[in-house]
Amino acid sequence: MTVIGISLGHADDAAAEHWLHDVVGVADLHDLVACTHLVRTPRPHVAISLAAPDGLPDLPATPADLVPAAELAADEHRAGRSGRAVRYPGVDRLVGTLTVAELLEFSAIEQVIMLGGAVPEPETPVQTRDFVRPQWINGVLTLITTAVGPGRIGPFELPDPTPCCADKH
């Protein structure tokens, strides 16, 4: 498995995801796992890690001052300690409502937990909102969920969160 980090100074997850879509979105890399990582080195920004069993496409070079952030992202991904997966095997199948069992069967996600740590039953419906971003936790690609209605759960991360200080006009 080839794992690399790249850091181009993206300000937020949305910018990093947009870059990933533009650069590797068209590549035919079915086994690619691409993650975003919030880093503080040398300043707060989002770094990216990419992993694939058969190598990766040519990517832009990380600027010298951001190399430590890129290395950190790669190390965290390789160890399964952190990283928010944006692209991973099966992500395209995670649309609409699926059961926990289907979500695990159709994708590289290995575990689904509720916010707080409870494990939902396999038949529990998951409203994906067509936006499923698992993260590495203790070496396991894990989707953190929350209740979204009676007997239903959804990914904790929303596709279009309201900024904390949004203008309320």
N, C-alpha and C. Protein backbone atom coordinates (compact mmCIF):
# COMPACT_ATOMS: atom_id res chain seq x y z
N MET A 1 0.84 -1.18 0.00
CA MET A 1 0.00 0.00 0.00
C MET A 1 0.88 1.24 0.00
N THR A 2 0.68 2.10 -0.95
CA THR A 2 1.38 3.37 -1.01
C THR A 2 0.54 4.42 -0.29
N VAL A 3 1.15 5.10 0.68
CA VAL A 3 0.47 6.18 1.40
C VAL A 3 1.35 7.41 1.30
N ILE A 4 0.75 8.51 0.84
CA ILE A 4 1.50 9.77 0.78
C ILE A 4 0.67 10.88 1.40
N GLY A 5 1.35 11.92 1.80
CA GLY A 5 0.69 13.11 2.28
C GLY A 5 0.98 14.25 1.33
N ILE A 6 0.04 15.15 1.25
CA ILE A 6 0.22 16.35 0.44
C ILE A 6 -0.41 17.50 1.20
N SER A 7 0.23 18.62 1.17
CA SER A 7 -0.28 19.79 1.87
C SER A 7 -0.10 21.00 0.97
N LEU A 8 -1.21 21.60 0.64
CA LEU A 8 -1.19 22.78 -0.24
C LEU A 8 -1.80 24.00 0.45
N GLY A 9 -2.02 23.89 1.75
CA GLY A 9 -2.51 25.02 2.52
C GLY A 9 -4.00 25.28 2.43
N HIS A 10 -4.80 24.24 2.11
CA HIS A 10 -6.24 24.44 2.02
C HIS A 10 -6.78 24.98 3.34
N ALA A 11 -7.65 25.97 3.26
CA ALA A 11 -8.18 26.63 4.45
C ALA A 11 -9.19 25.79 5.21
N ASP A 12 -9.92 24.91 4.50
CA ASP A 12 -10.95 24.12 5.16
C ASP A 12 -11.19 22.82 4.41
N ASP A 13 -12.02 21.96 5.01
CA ASP A 13 -12.31 20.66 4.40
C ASP A 13 -12.93 20.81 3.02
N ALA A 14 -13.82 21.78 2.85
CA ALA A 14 -14.49 21.97 1.56
C ALA A 14 -13.48 22.27 0.46
N ALA A 15 -12.52 23.12 0.74
CA ALA A 15 -11.50 23.45 -0.26
C ALA A 15 -10.64 22.23 -0.59
N ALA A 16 -10.28 21.46 0.43
CA ALA A 16 -9.48 20.25 0.20
C ALA A 16 -10.27 19.22 -0.60
N GLU A 17 -11.56 19.05 -0.28
CA GLU A 17 -12.40 18.10 -1.02
C GLU A 17 -12.55 18.54 -2.47
N HIS A 18 -12.72 19.83 -2.70
CA HIS A 18 -12.85 20.34 -4.07
C HIS A 18 -11.57 20.03 -4.86
N TRP A 19 -10.42 20.26 -4.24
CA TRP A 19 -9.15 19.96 -4.90
C TRP A 19 -9.05 18.47 -5.20
N LEU A 20 -9.40 17.63 -4.22
CA LEU A 20 -9.36 16.18 -4.44
C LEU A 20 -10.25 15.78 -5.61
N HIS A 21 -11.45 16.34 -5.67
CA HIS A 21 -12.36 16.02 -6.77
C HIS A 21 -11.76 16.41 -8.11
N ASP A 22 -11.17 17.59 -8.17
CA ASP A 22 -10.59 18.07 -9.43
C ASP A 22 -9.35 17.27 -9.84
N VAL A 23 -8.53 16.89 -8.88
CA VAL A 23 -7.24 16.27 -9.21
C VAL A 23 -7.33 14.75 -9.32
N VAL A 24 -7.97 14.09 -8.37
CA VAL A 24 -8.02 12.64 -8.41
C VAL A 24 -9.42 12.10 -8.67
N GLY A 25 -10.40 12.98 -8.76
CA GLY A 25 -11.78 12.56 -8.97
C GLY A 25 -11.99 11.84 -10.29
N VAL A 26 -11.21 12.19 -11.29
CA VAL A 26 -11.37 11.59 -12.60
C VAL A 26 -10.49 10.35 -12.79
N ALA A 27 -9.55 10.15 -11.90
CA ALA A 27 -8.66 8.99 -12.01
C ALA A 27 -9.43 7.71 -11.70
N ASP A 28 -9.07 6.66 -12.37
CA ASP A 28 -9.73 5.37 -12.19
C ASP A 28 -9.01 4.60 -11.07
N LEU A 29 -9.19 5.07 -9.85
CA LEU A 29 -8.53 4.48 -8.69
C LEU A 29 -9.58 3.97 -7.72
N HIS A 30 -10.08 2.77 -7.98
CA HIS A 30 -11.18 2.22 -7.18
C HIS A 30 -10.81 1.94 -5.74
N ASP A 31 -9.55 1.66 -5.48
CA ASP A 31 -9.12 1.32 -4.13
C ASP A 31 -8.50 2.49 -3.38
N LEU A 32 -8.60 3.69 -3.94
CA LEU A 32 -8.03 4.88 -3.32
C LEU A 32 -8.78 5.22 -2.03
N VAL A 33 -8.01 5.55 -1.01
CA VAL A 33 -8.56 6.13 0.21
C VAL A 33 -7.90 7.49 0.37
N ALA A 34 -8.71 8.55 0.30
CA ALA A 34 -8.21 9.92 0.43
C ALA A 34 -8.84 10.55 1.66
N CYS A 35 -8.00 11.11 2.51
CA CYS A 35 -8.47 11.69 3.78
C CYS A 35 -8.01 13.13 3.92
N THR A 36 -8.82 13.89 4.65
CA THR A 36 -8.41 15.23 5.05
C THR A 36 -7.96 15.17 6.50
N HIS A 37 -7.03 16.06 6.84
CA HIS A 37 -6.46 16.11 8.19
C HIS A 37 -6.33 17.57 8.61
N LEU A 38 -6.90 17.93 9.73
CA LEU A 38 -6.70 19.26 10.28
C LEU A 38 -5.33 19.27 10.94
N VAL A 39 -4.46 20.16 10.48
CA VAL A 39 -3.09 20.23 11.01
C VAL A 39 -2.81 21.66 11.48
N ARG A 40 -1.78 21.78 12.30
CA ARG A 40 -1.40 23.09 12.83
C ARG A 40 -0.01 23.51 12.40
N THR A 41 0.64 22.67 11.63
CA THR A 41 2.03 22.89 11.25
C THR A 41 2.14 23.39 9.82
N PRO A 42 2.74 24.46 9.49
CA PRO A 42 3.26 25.51 10.37
C PRO A 42 2.17 26.50 10.80
N ARG A 43 0.97 26.35 10.23
CA ARG A 43 -0.19 27.17 10.58
C ARG A 43 -1.43 26.28 10.39
N PRO A 44 -2.55 26.61 11.00
CA PRO A 44 -3.74 25.78 10.82
C PRO A 44 -4.19 25.71 9.35
N HIS A 45 -4.38 24.49 8.88
CA HIS A 45 -4.89 24.27 7.52
C HIS A 45 -5.28 22.79 7.39
N VAL A 46 -5.71 22.40 6.22
CA VAL A 46 -6.11 21.02 5.96
C VAL A 46 -5.10 20.36 5.03
N ALA A 47 -4.49 19.29 5.51
CA ALA A 47 -3.59 18.48 4.69
C ALA A 47 -4.38 17.27 4.20
N ILE A 48 -3.80 16.55 3.26
CA ILE A 48 -4.47 15.42 2.64
C ILE A 48 -3.55 14.20 2.67
N SER A 49 -4.13 13.03 2.90
CA SER A 49 -3.38 11.79 2.74
C SER A 49 -4.09 10.96 1.68
N LEU A 50 -3.30 10.24 0.91
CA LEU A 50 -3.82 9.37 -0.15
C LEU A 50 -3.16 8.01 -0.02
N ALA A 51 -3.98 6.96 -0.13
CA ALA A 51 -3.45 5.60 -0.05
C ALA A 51 -4.09 4.76 -1.14
N ALA A 52 -3.25 3.97 -1.81
CA ALA A 52 -3.74 3.06 -2.85
C ALA A 52 -2.77 1.90 -2.97
N PRO A 53 -3.29 0.70 -3.25
CA PRO A 53 -2.41 -0.46 -3.35
C PRO A 53 -1.53 -0.46 -4.59
N ASP A 54 -1.96 0.21 -5.64
CA ASP A 54 -1.22 0.16 -6.90
C ASP A 54 -0.59 1.48 -7.30
N GLY A 55 -0.25 2.30 -6.34
CA GLY A 55 0.38 3.58 -6.64
C GLY A 55 -0.65 4.68 -6.85
N LEU A 56 -0.14 5.89 -7.00
CA LEU A 56 -0.99 7.07 -7.09
C LEU A 56 -0.65 7.88 -8.32
N PRO A 57 -1.59 8.72 -8.76
CA PRO A 57 -1.30 9.57 -9.92
C PRO A 57 -0.26 10.63 -9.57
N ASP A 58 0.29 11.27 -10.59
CA ASP A 58 1.20 12.38 -10.34
C ASP A 58 0.44 13.50 -9.67
N LEU A 59 1.01 14.03 -8.61
CA LEU A 59 0.37 15.08 -7.84
C LEU A 59 1.32 16.27 -7.71
N PRO A 60 0.78 17.45 -7.45
CA PRO A 60 1.67 18.60 -7.27
C PRO A 60 2.56 18.42 -6.05
N ALA A 61 3.70 19.05 -6.10
CA ALA A 61 4.63 18.96 -4.97
C ALA A 61 4.14 19.83 -3.82
N THR A 62 4.35 19.35 -2.61
CA THR A 62 4.04 20.12 -1.42
C THR A 62 5.10 21.21 -1.25
N PRO A 63 4.70 22.46 -1.02
CA PRO A 63 5.69 23.51 -0.76
C PRO A 63 6.55 23.15 0.46
N ALA A 64 7.79 23.56 0.44
CA ALA A 64 8.75 23.17 1.47
C ALA A 64 8.25 23.45 2.89
N ASP A 65 7.59 24.59 3.11
CA ASP A 65 7.16 24.92 4.47
C ASP A 65 6.02 24.04 4.96
N LEU A 66 5.34 23.34 4.03
CA LEU A 66 4.21 22.48 4.41
C LEU A 66 4.56 21.00 4.41
N VAL A 67 5.80 20.65 4.09
CA VAL A 67 6.22 19.24 4.08
C VAL A 67 5.98 18.55 5.42
N PRO A 68 6.30 19.19 6.57
CA PRO A 68 6.01 18.50 7.84
C PRO A 68 4.52 18.17 8.01
N ALA A 69 3.63 19.04 7.54
CA ALA A 69 2.19 18.76 7.63
C ALA A 69 1.82 17.59 6.74
N ALA A 70 2.39 17.52 5.54
CA ALA A 70 2.12 16.42 4.62
C ALA A 70 2.62 15.10 5.21
N GLU A 71 3.80 15.13 5.80
CA GLU A 71 4.35 13.92 6.43
C GLU A 71 3.49 13.47 7.61
N LEU A 72 3.00 14.42 8.39
CA LEU A 72 2.13 14.09 9.52
C LEU A 72 0.84 13.44 9.02
N ALA A 73 0.23 14.00 7.98
CA ALA A 73 -1.01 13.42 7.42
C ALA A 73 -0.77 11.99 6.96
N ALA A 74 0.33 11.75 6.26
CA ALA A 74 0.63 10.39 5.79
C ALA A 74 0.85 9.45 6.96
N ASP A 75 1.60 9.89 7.97
CA ASP A 75 1.86 9.04 9.15
C ASP A 75 0.57 8.70 9.88
N GLU A 76 -0.31 9.68 10.07
CA GLU A 76 -1.57 9.46 10.77
C GLU A 76 -2.46 8.48 10.00
N HIS A 77 -2.51 8.64 8.67
CA HIS A 77 -3.31 7.73 7.84
C HIS A 77 -2.74 6.32 7.91
N ARG A 78 -1.44 6.21 7.71
CA ARG A 78 -0.78 4.90 7.71
C ARG A 78 -1.04 4.15 9.02
N ALA A 79 -1.04 4.88 10.13
CA ALA A 79 -1.24 4.27 11.44
C ALA A 79 -2.73 4.12 11.79
N GLY A 80 -3.61 4.71 10.99
CA GLY A 80 -5.05 4.64 11.29
C GLY A 80 -5.43 5.42 12.53
N ARG A 81 -4.64 6.46 12.85
CA ARG A 81 -4.91 7.27 14.05
C ARG A 81 -5.88 8.41 13.78
N SER A 82 -5.82 8.97 12.58
CA SER A 82 -6.71 10.08 12.26
C SER A 82 -6.81 10.23 10.75
N GLY A 83 -7.77 11.00 10.36
CA GLY A 83 -8.04 11.26 8.95
C GLY A 83 -9.52 11.08 8.69
N ARG A 84 -10.08 12.00 7.97
CA ARG A 84 -11.51 12.02 7.62
C ARG A 84 -11.59 11.58 6.17
N ALA A 85 -12.11 10.39 5.93
CA ALA A 85 -12.12 9.81 4.58
C ALA A 85 -13.15 10.50 3.70
N VAL A 86 -12.68 10.98 2.56
CA VAL A 86 -13.52 11.67 1.57
C VAL A 86 -13.81 10.72 0.41
N ARG A 87 -12.78 10.02 0.01
CA ARG A 87 -12.91 9.04 -1.07
C ARG A 87 -12.38 7.72 -0.54
N TYR A 88 -13.17 6.66 -0.79
CA TYR A 88 -12.80 5.33 -0.31
C TYR A 88 -13.65 4.33 -1.07
N PRO A 89 -13.24 3.07 -1.12
CA PRO A 89 -14.01 2.07 -1.86
C PRO A 89 -15.46 2.02 -1.37
N GLY A 90 -16.38 2.13 -2.31
CA GLY A 90 -17.80 2.02 -2.02
C GLY A 90 -18.50 3.33 -1.72
N VAL A 91 -17.79 4.43 -1.60
CA VAL A 91 -18.43 5.70 -1.25
C VAL A 91 -19.56 6.06 -2.22
N ASP A 92 -19.41 5.72 -3.48
CA ASP A 92 -20.43 6.06 -4.48
C ASP A 92 -21.74 5.30 -4.26
N ARG A 93 -21.70 4.20 -3.53
CA ARG A 93 -22.91 3.40 -3.27
C ARG A 93 -23.67 3.86 -2.03
N LEU A 94 -23.09 4.78 -1.29
CA LEU A 94 -23.69 5.21 -0.02
C LEU A 94 -24.61 6.41 -0.23
N VAL A 95 -25.73 6.16 -0.90
CA VAL A 95 -26.71 7.20 -1.18
C VAL A 95 -28.07 6.77 -0.64
N GLY A 96 -28.89 7.76 -0.33
CA GLY A 96 -30.22 7.45 0.17
C GLY A 96 -30.17 6.84 1.55
N THR A 97 -31.07 5.92 1.80
CA THR A 97 -31.14 5.25 3.09
C THR A 97 -30.72 3.79 2.94
N LEU A 98 -29.78 3.38 3.77
CA LEU A 98 -29.28 2.01 3.81
C LEU A 98 -29.33 1.53 5.26
N THR A 99 -29.27 0.25 5.46
CA THR A 99 -29.11 -0.25 6.82
C THR A 99 -27.63 -0.17 7.20
N VAL A 100 -27.37 -0.27 8.49
CA VAL A 100 -25.99 -0.32 8.95
C VAL A 100 -25.27 -1.49 8.28
N ALA A 101 -25.91 -2.64 8.20
CA ALA A 101 -25.30 -3.82 7.58
C ALA A 101 -24.96 -3.56 6.11
N GLU A 102 -25.85 -2.92 5.37
CA GLU A 102 -25.58 -2.61 3.95
C GLU A 102 -24.43 -1.63 3.82
N LEU A 103 -24.41 -0.61 4.67
CA LEU A 103 -23.34 0.38 4.62
C LEU A 103 -21.98 -0.29 4.82
N LEU A 104 -21.91 -1.22 5.77
CA LEU A 104 -20.67 -1.94 6.02
C LEU A 104 -20.32 -2.89 4.88
N GLU A 105 -21.33 -3.50 4.28
CA GLU A 105 -21.10 -4.44 3.18
C GLU A 105 -20.64 -3.73 1.91
N PHE A 106 -21.23 -2.59 1.60
CA PHE A 106 -21.00 -1.91 0.33
C PHE A 106 -19.76 -1.03 0.31
N SER A 107 -19.14 -0.77 1.46
CA SER A 107 -18.05 0.20 1.49
C SER A 107 -16.88 -0.28 2.34
N ALA A 108 -15.84 0.53 2.36
CA ALA A 108 -14.65 0.24 3.16
C ALA A 108 -14.84 0.59 4.63
N ILE A 109 -15.98 1.18 4.97
CA ILE A 109 -16.25 1.49 6.37
C ILE A 109 -16.32 0.18 7.15
N GLU A 110 -15.61 0.14 8.28
CA GLU A 110 -15.51 -1.09 9.06
C GLU A 110 -16.38 -1.09 10.31
N GLN A 111 -16.81 0.09 10.74
CA GLN A 111 -17.56 0.18 11.99
C GLN A 111 -18.47 1.40 11.94
N VAL A 112 -19.65 1.27 12.52
CA VAL A 112 -20.58 2.38 12.68
C VAL A 112 -20.87 2.51 14.17
N ILE A 113 -20.69 3.72 14.69
CA ILE A 113 -21.01 3.96 16.10
C ILE A 113 -21.87 5.21 16.20
N MET A 114 -22.60 5.29 17.30
CA MET A 114 -23.38 6.48 17.61
C MET A 114 -22.48 7.46 18.36
N LEU A 115 -22.78 8.72 18.24
CA LEU A 115 -22.08 9.72 19.03
C LEU A 115 -22.22 9.31 20.50
N GLY A 116 -21.12 9.15 21.18
CA GLY A 116 -21.14 8.64 22.55
C GLY A 116 -20.68 7.20 22.65
N GLY A 117 -20.60 6.49 21.53
CA GLY A 117 -20.00 5.16 21.53
C GLY A 117 -20.92 3.97 21.38
N ALA A 118 -22.24 4.15 21.47
CA ALA A 118 -23.14 3.00 21.31
C ALA A 118 -23.04 2.45 19.88
N VAL A 119 -23.22 1.15 19.74
CA VAL A 119 -23.18 0.50 18.43
C VAL A 119 -24.62 0.22 17.99
N PRO A 120 -25.03 0.77 16.84
CA PRO A 120 -26.40 0.52 16.37
C PRO A 120 -26.57 -0.91 15.86
N GLU A 121 -27.81 -1.38 15.88
CA GLU A 121 -28.13 -2.71 15.36
C GLU A 121 -27.92 -2.73 13.85
N PRO A 122 -27.56 -3.89 13.28
CA PRO A 122 -27.32 -4.00 11.84
C PRO A 122 -28.50 -3.56 10.97
N GLU A 123 -29.73 -3.74 11.45
CA GLU A 123 -30.91 -3.38 10.64
C GLU A 123 -31.32 -1.91 10.79
N THR A 124 -30.59 -1.13 11.58
CA THR A 124 -30.92 0.28 11.78
C THR A 124 -30.77 1.05 10.48
N PRO A 125 -31.79 1.80 10.05
CA PRO A 125 -31.68 2.61 8.83
C PRO A 125 -30.72 3.79 9.03
N VAL A 126 -29.88 4.00 8.03
CA VAL A 126 -28.94 5.12 8.02
C VAL A 126 -29.32 6.04 6.87
N GLN A 127 -29.75 7.25 7.19
CA GLN A 127 -30.02 8.25 6.16
C GLN A 127 -28.68 8.90 5.83
N THR A 128 -28.13 8.57 4.67
CA THR A 128 -26.77 9.00 4.35
C THR A 128 -26.67 10.48 3.99
N ARG A 129 -27.77 11.07 3.55
CA ARG A 129 -27.75 12.45 3.04
C ARG A 129 -26.77 12.57 1.88
N ASP A 130 -26.40 11.41 1.31
CA ASP A 130 -25.43 11.33 0.22
C ASP A 130 -24.10 12.00 0.59
N PHE A 131 -23.75 11.93 1.87
CA PHE A 131 -22.54 12.59 2.39
C PHE A 131 -22.06 11.77 3.58
N VAL A 132 -21.14 10.84 3.32
CA VAL A 132 -20.68 9.92 4.36
C VAL A 132 -19.17 10.07 4.49
N ARG A 133 -18.74 10.62 5.63
CA ARG A 133 -17.32 10.89 5.87
C ARG A 133 -16.85 10.17 7.13
N PRO A 134 -16.46 8.89 6.99
CA PRO A 134 -15.92 8.17 8.16
C PRO A 134 -14.54 8.70 8.51
N GLN A 135 -14.06 8.28 9.66
CA GLN A 135 -12.72 8.70 10.07
C GLN A 135 -11.97 7.53 10.68
N TRP A 136 -10.66 7.64 10.63
CA TRP A 136 -9.83 6.60 11.24
C TRP A 136 -9.85 6.79 12.74
N ILE A 137 -10.21 5.73 13.45
CA ILE A 137 -10.19 5.71 14.91
C ILE A 137 -9.57 4.38 15.33
N ASN A 138 -8.43 4.44 15.97
CA ASN A 138 -7.75 3.23 16.45
C ASN A 138 -7.58 2.19 15.34
N GLY A 139 -7.20 2.63 14.15
CA GLY A 139 -6.95 1.73 13.04
C GLY A 139 -8.17 1.20 12.32
N VAL A 140 -9.36 1.72 12.66
CA VAL A 140 -10.61 1.24 12.08
C VAL A 140 -11.33 2.41 11.40
N LEU A 141 -11.70 2.24 10.13
CA LEU A 141 -12.44 3.28 9.43
C LEU A 141 -13.87 3.28 9.98
N THR A 142 -14.21 4.33 10.72
CA THR A 142 -15.41 4.38 11.54
C THR A 142 -16.32 5.54 11.14
N LEU A 143 -17.61 5.24 10.99
CA LEU A 143 -18.60 6.28 10.74
C LEU A 143 -19.28 6.61 12.06
N ILE A 144 -19.18 7.86 12.46
CA ILE A 144 -19.86 8.33 13.66
C ILE A 144 -21.23 8.87 13.24
N THR A 145 -22.27 8.40 13.93
CA THR A 145 -23.64 8.77 13.56
C THR A 145 -24.36 9.39 14.75
N THR A 146 -25.55 9.92 14.45
CA THR A 146 -26.42 10.49 15.47
C THR A 146 -27.86 10.18 15.07
N ALA A 147 -28.76 10.25 16.03
CA ALA A 147 -30.17 10.02 15.73
C ALA A 147 -30.68 11.15 14.84
N VAL A 148 -31.46 10.78 13.81
CA VAL A 148 -32.05 11.78 12.90
C VAL A 148 -33.57 11.67 12.87
N GLY A 149 -34.12 10.79 13.66
CA GLY A 149 -35.56 10.58 13.74
C GLY A 149 -35.81 9.28 14.47
N PRO A 150 -37.05 8.97 14.72
CA PRO A 150 -37.35 7.73 15.43
C PRO A 150 -36.79 6.49 14.72
N GLY A 151 -35.87 5.80 15.40
CA GLY A 151 -35.31 4.57 14.86
C GLY A 151 -34.36 4.74 13.69
N ARG A 152 -33.99 5.96 13.38
CA ARG A 152 -33.09 6.22 12.24
C ARG A 152 -31.86 7.01 12.70
N ILE A 153 -30.75 6.75 12.01
CA ILE A 153 -29.52 7.48 12.30
C ILE A 153 -28.99 8.07 11.00
N GLY A 154 -28.05 8.98 11.14
CA GLY A 154 -27.37 9.58 9.99
C GLY A 154 -25.97 9.97 10.39
N PRO A 155 -25.12 10.20 9.40
CA PRO A 155 -23.76 10.65 9.73
C PRO A 155 -23.81 11.91 10.59
N PHE A 156 -22.94 11.96 11.59
CA PHE A 156 -22.88 13.11 12.47
C PHE A 156 -22.52 14.37 11.70
N GLU A 157 -21.59 14.24 10.72
CA GLU A 157 -21.18 15.40 9.93
C GLU A 157 -22.23 15.70 8.87
N LEU A 158 -22.69 16.94 8.85
CA LEU A 158 -23.67 17.37 7.87
C LEU A 158 -23.00 17.81 6.57
N PRO A 159 -23.68 17.64 5.43
CA PRO A 159 -23.07 18.03 4.16
C PRO A 159 -22.85 19.53 4.03
N ASP A 160 -23.76 20.34 4.56
CA ASP A 160 -23.66 21.79 4.47
C ASP A 160 -23.92 22.41 5.83
N PRO A 161 -22.96 22.30 6.74
CA PRO A 161 -23.21 22.84 8.08
C PRO A 161 -23.32 24.36 8.04
N THR A 162 -24.12 24.89 8.95
CA THR A 162 -24.22 26.33 9.08
C THR A 162 -22.98 26.82 9.82
N PRO A 163 -22.28 27.81 9.27
CA PRO A 163 -21.11 28.33 9.98
C PRO A 163 -21.52 28.81 11.38
N CYS A 164 -20.60 28.71 12.31
CA CYS A 164 -20.94 29.02 13.70
C CYS A 164 -21.43 30.44 13.89
N CYS A 165 -20.97 31.32 13.12
CA CYS A 165 -21.35 32.74 13.29
C CYS A 165 -22.07 33.25 12.05
N ALA A 166 -22.88 32.43 11.44
CA ALA A 166 -23.57 32.81 10.21
C ALA A 166 -24.44 34.02 10.44
N ASP A 167 -24.46 34.88 9.45
CA ASP A 167 -25.31 36.07 9.49
C ASP A 167 -26.76 35.61 9.44
N LYS A 168 -27.56 36.04 10.37
CA LYS A 168 -28.93 35.55 10.48
C LYS A 168 -29.95 36.55 9.92
N HIS A 169 -29.63 37.31 8.90
CA HIS A 169 -30.55 38.29 8.32
C HIS A 169 -31.73 37.62 7.68
